[in-house]
Amino acid sequence: MTSTTQSAWQASHGQAIPRTGRFRRIFDRLWLAYKVYRERQALLALSDYELRDIGLSRADARREANRPLWDLPEIR
């Protein structure tokens, strides 16, 4: 079994990343997609008054909620 330091070194030097690292990255990305999906659905559930309060229109909320699942923010 490799240590975290060894795994980081391997990744930074272009060597194969252990399968657990790849699985973790995939899982993290899927979890982020799920959280963003839930946030977009919650945005749709807001009233017009609540949307105006945060500076959005109903059309803005629909546009955000209709973005594809893979269209995720880069920084979270």
N, C-alpha and C. Protein backbone atom coordinates (compact mmCIF):
# COMPACT_ATOMS: atom_id res chain seq x y z
N MET A 1 0.85 -1.18 0.00
CA MET A 1 0.00 0.00 0.00
C MET A 1 0.89 1.24 0.00
N THR A 2 0.52 2.23 -0.82
CA THR A 2 1.33 3.44 -0.90
C THR A 2 0.82 4.49 0.06
N SER A 3 1.71 5.34 0.48
CA SER A 3 1.31 6.41 1.39
C SER A 3 0.76 7.58 0.59
N THR A 4 0.17 8.53 1.28
CA THR A 4 -0.37 9.72 0.62
C THR A 4 0.74 10.49 -0.07
N THR A 5 1.89 10.57 0.57
CA THR A 5 3.02 11.28 -0.02
C THR A 5 3.46 10.62 -1.31
N GLN A 6 3.52 9.30 -1.32
CA GLN A 6 3.90 8.59 -2.53
C GLN A 6 2.87 8.80 -3.63
N SER A 7 1.59 8.79 -3.30
CA SER A 7 0.54 8.99 -4.28
C SER A 7 0.63 10.39 -4.88
N ALA A 8 0.86 11.39 -4.05
CA ALA A 8 0.99 12.76 -4.54
C ALA A 8 2.19 12.88 -5.45
N TRP A 9 3.29 12.23 -5.08
CA TRP A 9 4.48 12.27 -5.91
C TRP A 9 4.22 11.62 -7.25
N GLN A 10 3.56 10.47 -7.24
CA GLN A 10 3.26 9.77 -8.48
C GLN A 10 2.37 10.63 -9.38
N ALA A 11 1.37 11.27 -8.80
CA ALA A 11 0.46 12.09 -9.59
C ALA A 11 1.17 13.30 -10.17
N SER A 12 2.06 13.91 -9.40
CA SER A 12 2.76 15.10 -9.88
C SER A 12 3.83 14.77 -10.89
N HIS A 13 4.25 13.52 -10.97
CA HIS A 13 5.30 13.14 -11.90
C HIS A 13 4.77 12.32 -13.07
N GLY A 14 3.46 12.38 -13.28
CA GLY A 14 2.86 11.75 -14.43
C GLY A 14 2.73 10.24 -14.36
N GLN A 15 2.90 9.68 -13.21
CA GLN A 15 2.74 8.24 -13.08
C GLN A 15 1.27 7.92 -12.79
N ALA A 16 0.95 6.66 -12.91
CA ALA A 16 -0.44 6.23 -12.72
C ALA A 16 -0.94 6.59 -11.34
N ILE A 17 -2.18 7.05 -11.31
CA ILE A 17 -2.84 7.36 -10.04
C ILE A 17 -3.51 6.07 -9.58
N PRO A 18 -3.40 5.75 -8.31
CA PRO A 18 -4.04 4.52 -7.82
C PRO A 18 -5.54 4.53 -8.11
N ARG A 19 -6.10 3.35 -8.29
CA ARG A 19 -7.53 3.24 -8.62
C ARG A 19 -8.40 3.92 -7.58
N THR A 20 -8.02 3.85 -6.33
CA THR A 20 -8.84 4.48 -5.29
C THR A 20 -8.87 5.98 -5.49
N GLY A 21 -7.79 6.57 -5.98
CA GLY A 21 -7.76 8.00 -6.25
C GLY A 21 -8.70 8.37 -7.38
N ARG A 22 -8.69 7.57 -8.44
CA ARG A 22 -9.59 7.81 -9.56
C ARG A 22 -11.04 7.65 -9.14
N PHE A 23 -11.32 6.61 -8.37
CA PHE A 23 -12.68 6.38 -7.88
C PHE A 23 -13.13 7.56 -7.02
N ARG A 24 -12.26 8.04 -6.18
CA ARG A 24 -12.60 9.15 -5.29
C ARG A 24 -12.93 10.41 -6.09
N ARG A 25 -12.14 10.68 -7.13
CA ARG A 25 -12.39 11.87 -7.96
C ARG A 25 -13.73 11.75 -8.67
N ILE A 26 -14.04 10.57 -9.18
CA ILE A 26 -15.32 10.34 -9.85
C ILE A 26 -16.46 10.50 -8.86
N PHE A 27 -16.32 9.90 -7.69
CA PHE A 27 -17.35 10.02 -6.66
C PHE A 27 -17.55 11.47 -6.25
N ASP A 28 -16.46 12.21 -6.04
CA ASP A 28 -16.55 13.62 -5.65
C ASP A 28 -17.28 14.43 -6.72
N ARG A 29 -16.98 14.17 -7.98
CA ARG A 29 -17.62 14.90 -9.07
C ARG A 29 -19.12 14.58 -9.13
N LEU A 30 -19.47 13.31 -8.94
CA LEU A 30 -20.88 12.94 -8.94
C LEU A 30 -21.62 13.56 -7.75
N TRP A 31 -20.96 13.60 -6.61
CA TRP A 31 -21.57 14.20 -5.42
C TRP A 31 -21.80 15.69 -5.64
N LEU A 32 -20.83 16.36 -6.26
CA LEU A 32 -20.98 17.78 -6.58
C LEU A 32 -22.15 17.98 -7.54
N ALA A 33 -22.26 17.14 -8.55
CA ALA A 33 -23.35 17.24 -9.52
C ALA A 33 -24.70 17.09 -8.80
N TYR A 34 -24.79 16.16 -7.87
CA TYR A 34 -26.02 15.96 -7.12
C TYR A 34 -26.36 17.20 -6.28
N LYS A 35 -25.35 17.75 -5.59
CA LYS A 35 -25.60 18.93 -4.76
C LYS A 35 -26.04 20.13 -5.61
N VAL A 36 -25.38 20.33 -6.75
CA VAL A 36 -25.74 21.44 -7.63
C VAL A 36 -27.16 21.24 -8.17
N TYR A 37 -27.51 20.02 -8.53
CA TYR A 37 -28.85 19.72 -9.00
C TYR A 37 -29.88 20.10 -7.93
N ARG A 38 -29.62 19.71 -6.68
CA ARG A 38 -30.56 20.03 -5.59
C ARG A 38 -30.67 21.54 -5.39
N GLU A 39 -29.56 22.25 -5.48
CA GLU A 39 -29.59 23.71 -5.33
C GLU A 39 -30.39 24.36 -6.45
N ARG A 40 -30.23 23.85 -7.66
CA ARG A 40 -30.98 24.41 -8.79
C ARG A 40 -32.47 24.15 -8.64
N GLN A 41 -32.83 22.99 -8.12
CA GLN A 41 -34.24 22.69 -7.88
C GLN A 41 -34.80 23.58 -6.76
N ALA A 42 -34.00 23.83 -5.75
CA ALA A 42 -34.43 24.71 -4.66
C ALA A 42 -34.64 26.14 -5.17
N LEU A 43 -33.81 26.55 -6.11
CA LEU A 43 -33.96 27.87 -6.70
C LEU A 43 -35.31 27.99 -7.41
N LEU A 44 -35.71 26.94 -8.10
CA LEU A 44 -37.01 26.93 -8.78
C LEU A 44 -38.16 27.02 -7.79
N ALA A 45 -37.96 26.49 -6.60
CA ALA A 45 -39.03 26.45 -5.60
C ALA A 45 -39.24 27.80 -4.90
N LEU A 46 -38.33 28.74 -5.09
CA LEU A 46 -38.48 30.04 -4.44
C LEU A 46 -39.63 30.82 -5.05
N SER A 47 -40.25 31.65 -4.24
CA SER A 47 -41.33 32.50 -4.73
C SER A 47 -40.74 33.66 -5.53
N ASP A 48 -41.60 34.35 -6.28
CA ASP A 48 -41.13 35.51 -7.05
C ASP A 48 -40.54 36.57 -6.12
N TYR A 49 -41.15 36.74 -4.97
CA TYR A 49 -40.64 37.72 -3.99
C TYR A 49 -39.23 37.34 -3.53
N GLU A 50 -39.03 36.05 -3.21
CA GLU A 50 -37.72 35.59 -2.75
C GLU A 50 -36.67 35.72 -3.86
N LEU A 51 -37.07 35.43 -5.09
CA LEU A 51 -36.14 35.58 -6.21
C LEU A 51 -35.75 37.05 -6.40
N ARG A 52 -36.72 37.95 -6.33
CA ARG A 52 -36.41 39.38 -6.45
C ARG A 52 -35.47 39.81 -5.33
N ASP A 53 -35.67 39.24 -4.16
CA ASP A 53 -34.84 39.60 -3.00
C ASP A 53 -33.37 39.27 -3.24
N ILE A 54 -33.10 38.22 -4.01
CA ILE A 54 -31.69 37.87 -4.29
C ILE A 54 -31.26 38.35 -5.68
N GLY A 55 -32.12 39.16 -6.31
CA GLY A 55 -31.75 39.79 -7.57
C GLY A 55 -31.92 38.93 -8.80
N LEU A 56 -32.83 37.96 -8.75
CA LEU A 56 -33.07 37.09 -9.90
C LEU A 56 -34.52 37.17 -10.33
N SER A 57 -34.75 36.89 -11.58
CA SER A 57 -36.12 36.79 -12.09
C SER A 57 -36.50 35.32 -12.19
N ARG A 58 -37.77 35.07 -12.46
CA ARG A 58 -38.23 33.69 -12.64
C ARG A 58 -37.52 33.07 -13.86
N ALA A 59 -37.30 33.88 -14.89
CA ALA A 59 -36.60 33.39 -16.09
C ALA A 59 -35.14 33.00 -15.75
N ASP A 60 -34.49 33.79 -14.90
CA ASP A 60 -33.13 33.45 -14.47
C ASP A 60 -33.11 32.11 -13.74
N ALA A 61 -34.10 31.92 -12.87
CA ALA A 61 -34.17 30.67 -12.10
C ALA A 61 -34.40 29.48 -13.03
N ARG A 62 -35.29 29.65 -14.00
CA ARG A 62 -35.55 28.55 -14.95
C ARG A 62 -34.30 28.24 -15.79
N ARG A 63 -33.63 29.30 -16.23
CA ARG A 63 -32.42 29.12 -17.04
C ARG A 63 -31.35 28.36 -16.25
N GLU A 64 -31.18 28.72 -14.99
CA GLU A 64 -30.19 28.03 -14.15
C GLU A 64 -30.60 26.58 -13.90
N ALA A 65 -31.86 26.35 -13.63
CA ALA A 65 -32.34 24.99 -13.34
C ALA A 65 -32.28 24.09 -14.57
N ASN A 66 -32.35 24.67 -15.75
CA ASN A 66 -32.34 23.87 -16.98
C ASN A 66 -30.94 23.64 -17.54
N ARG A 67 -29.92 24.09 -16.83
CA ARG A 67 -28.56 23.82 -17.29
C ARG A 67 -28.30 22.31 -17.22
N PRO A 68 -27.49 21.79 -18.13
CA PRO A 68 -27.21 20.35 -18.11
C PRO A 68 -26.51 19.92 -16.81
N LEU A 69 -26.70 18.69 -16.45
CA LEU A 69 -26.13 18.15 -15.22
C LEU A 69 -24.61 18.28 -15.18
N TRP A 70 -23.96 18.13 -16.32
CA TRP A 70 -22.49 18.19 -16.36
C TRP A 70 -21.96 19.63 -16.36
N ASP A 71 -22.85 20.61 -16.46
CA ASP A 71 -22.44 22.01 -16.45
C ASP A 71 -22.32 22.47 -14.99
N LEU A 72 -21.16 22.18 -14.41
CA LEU A 72 -20.94 22.46 -13.00
C LEU A 72 -19.99 23.63 -12.82
N PRO A 73 -20.13 24.35 -11.72
CA PRO A 73 -19.16 25.43 -11.45
C PRO A 73 -17.77 24.85 -11.22
N GLU A 74 -16.77 25.59 -11.64
CA GLU A 74 -15.39 25.13 -11.48
C GLU A 74 -14.93 25.22 -10.02
N ILE A 75 -15.36 26.26 -9.34
CA ILE A 75 -14.92 26.47 -7.95
C ILE A 75 -16.13 26.36 -7.04
N ARG A 76 -16.01 25.53 -6.01
CA ARG A 76 -17.09 25.35 -5.05
C ARG A 76 -16.50 25.32 -3.68
